[in-house]
Amino acid sequence: MRLVLDANEYIFALGFFRKQSCESLLEFLIDNFPAHSVSICRTIVEEVRANLTPKDFHNFVRFINVFAIIDEDFLIPFETGAKYEAKGLKEADALIAAYTD
């Protein structure tokens, strides 16, 4: 199964303020790879970078290099993002919803 996780899942699993549920989710993905893998868009990578220390971001990069596929945002159809913005999502959230779609 391929999953898309929000940036907060990574931030709270790897950053200074950790949540056990986020750490457990990443541990589950590691333990169940390749049955479960992760797709991630560039926007999420950049949001994670902005919210982690360089050391924690390095750990994130190590994780995604093994368990994730990074897609560029320009691959996401603009119309799909606009559809989610029209439903009331903020721009970045609409982009992630469109990516997941």
Protein backbone atom coordinates (compact mmCIF):
# COMPACT_ATOMS: atom_id res chain seq x y z
CA MET A 1 0.00 0.00 0.00
CA ARG A 2 1.32 3.43 -0.93
CA LEU A 3 0.64 6.19 1.61
CA VAL A 4 0.85 9.99 1.62
CA LEU A 5 1.63 11.52 5.01
CA ASP A 6 1.26 15.14 6.02
CA ALA A 7 4.42 17.05 6.96
CA ASN A 8 3.34 17.09 10.61
CA GLU A 9 3.69 13.31 10.80
CA TYR A 10 7.39 13.64 9.99
CA ILE A 11 7.88 16.78 12.08
CA PHE A 12 6.38 15.22 15.21
CA ALA A 13 8.17 11.91 14.66
CA LEU A 14 11.63 13.38 14.13
CA GLY A 15 11.62 16.89 15.56
CA PHE A 16 12.11 18.40 18.99
CA PHE A 17 8.44 18.14 20.08
CA ARG A 18 7.68 14.49 19.45
CA LYS A 19 4.41 12.61 19.53
CA GLN A 20 4.44 8.91 20.21
CA SER A 21 1.74 8.26 17.61
CA CYS A 22 3.87 9.86 14.87
CA GLU A 23 6.99 7.98 15.93
CA SER A 24 5.00 4.73 15.99
CA LEU A 25 3.67 5.39 12.50
CA LEU A 26 7.17 5.77 11.04
CA GLU A 27 8.36 2.71 12.96
CA PHE A 28 5.42 0.76 11.53
CA LEU A 29 6.35 1.82 8.00
CA ILE A 30 9.96 0.81 8.55
CA ASP A 31 8.92 -2.57 9.96
CA ASN A 32 6.45 -3.22 7.13
CA PHE A 33 8.46 -2.06 4.13
CA PRO A 34 7.99 -2.83 1.24
CA ALA A 35 4.38 -3.82 1.92
CA HIS A 36 3.79 -0.16 2.77
CA SER A 37 5.66 2.68 1.12
CA VAL A 38 5.33 6.45 1.10
CA SER A 39 4.90 9.00 -1.66
CA ILE A 40 5.81 12.58 -0.89
CA CYS A 41 5.53 15.80 -2.85
CA ARG A 42 8.15 18.54 -2.83
CA THR A 43 5.88 20.87 -0.82
CA ILE A 44 5.90 18.42 2.09
CA VAL A 45 9.68 18.07 1.90
CA GLU A 46 10.09 21.84 2.06
CA GLU A 47 7.64 22.18 4.97
CA VAL A 48 9.51 19.50 6.90
CA ARG A 49 12.83 21.25 6.14
CA ALA A 50 11.46 24.54 7.51
CA ASN A 51 10.37 22.91 10.77
CA LEU A 52 13.28 20.62 11.66
CA THR A 53 16.83 21.28 12.72
CA PRO A 54 19.47 20.39 10.11
CA LYS A 55 20.29 17.19 12.04
CA ASP A 56 16.63 16.15 12.26
CA PHE A 57 16.11 17.01 8.58
CA HIS A 58 19.08 14.78 7.74
CA ASN A 59 17.28 11.91 9.53
CA PHE A 60 14.16 12.70 7.52
CA VAL A 61 16.13 12.58 4.27
CA ARG A 62 17.63 9.24 5.28
CA PHE A 63 14.11 7.92 5.90
CA ILE A 64 12.64 9.12 2.62
CA ASN A 65 15.62 7.93 0.59
CA VAL A 66 14.74 4.37 1.59
CA PHE A 67 10.98 4.40 2.09
CA ALA A 68 9.58 7.11 -0.15
CA ILE A 69 9.18 8.35 -3.68
CA ILE A 70 9.49 12.14 -4.07
CA ASP A 71 7.34 13.75 -6.74
CA GLU A 72 7.67 17.32 -7.95
CA ASP A 73 4.69 19.61 -7.40
CA PHE A 74 4.42 20.50 -11.08
CA LEU A 75 3.16 16.95 -11.70
CA ILE A 76 0.00 17.75 -9.73
CA PRO A 77 -2.79 19.00 -12.01
CA PHE A 78 -3.68 22.61 -11.21
CA GLU A 79 -7.38 21.89 -11.72
CA THR A 80 -7.35 19.22 -9.03
CA GLY A 81 -5.75 21.61 -6.54
CA ALA A 82 -8.30 24.28 -7.44
CA LYS A 83 -11.09 21.77 -6.79
CA TYR A 84 -9.86 21.30 -3.21
CA GLU A 85 -9.33 25.03 -2.66
CA ALA A 86 -12.95 25.57 -3.74
CA LYS A 87 -13.94 23.13 -0.98
CA GLY A 88 -12.29 25.44 1.56
CA LEU A 89 -8.80 23.99 1.98
CA LYS A 90 -5.83 26.32 2.34
CA GLU A 91 -3.53 26.43 -0.70
CA ALA A 92 -0.85 24.08 0.68
CA ASP A 93 -3.46 21.64 2.02
CA ALA A 94 -5.29 21.71 -1.32
CA LEU A 95 -2.04 20.87 -3.09
CA ILE A 96 -1.47 17.89 -0.79
CA ALA A 97 -5.07 16.73 -1.24
CA ALA A 98 -4.67 17.02 -5.02
CA TYR A 99 -1.41 15.07 -4.83
CA THR A 100 -3.15 12.35 -2.85
CA ASP A 101 -6.01 12.33 -5.35
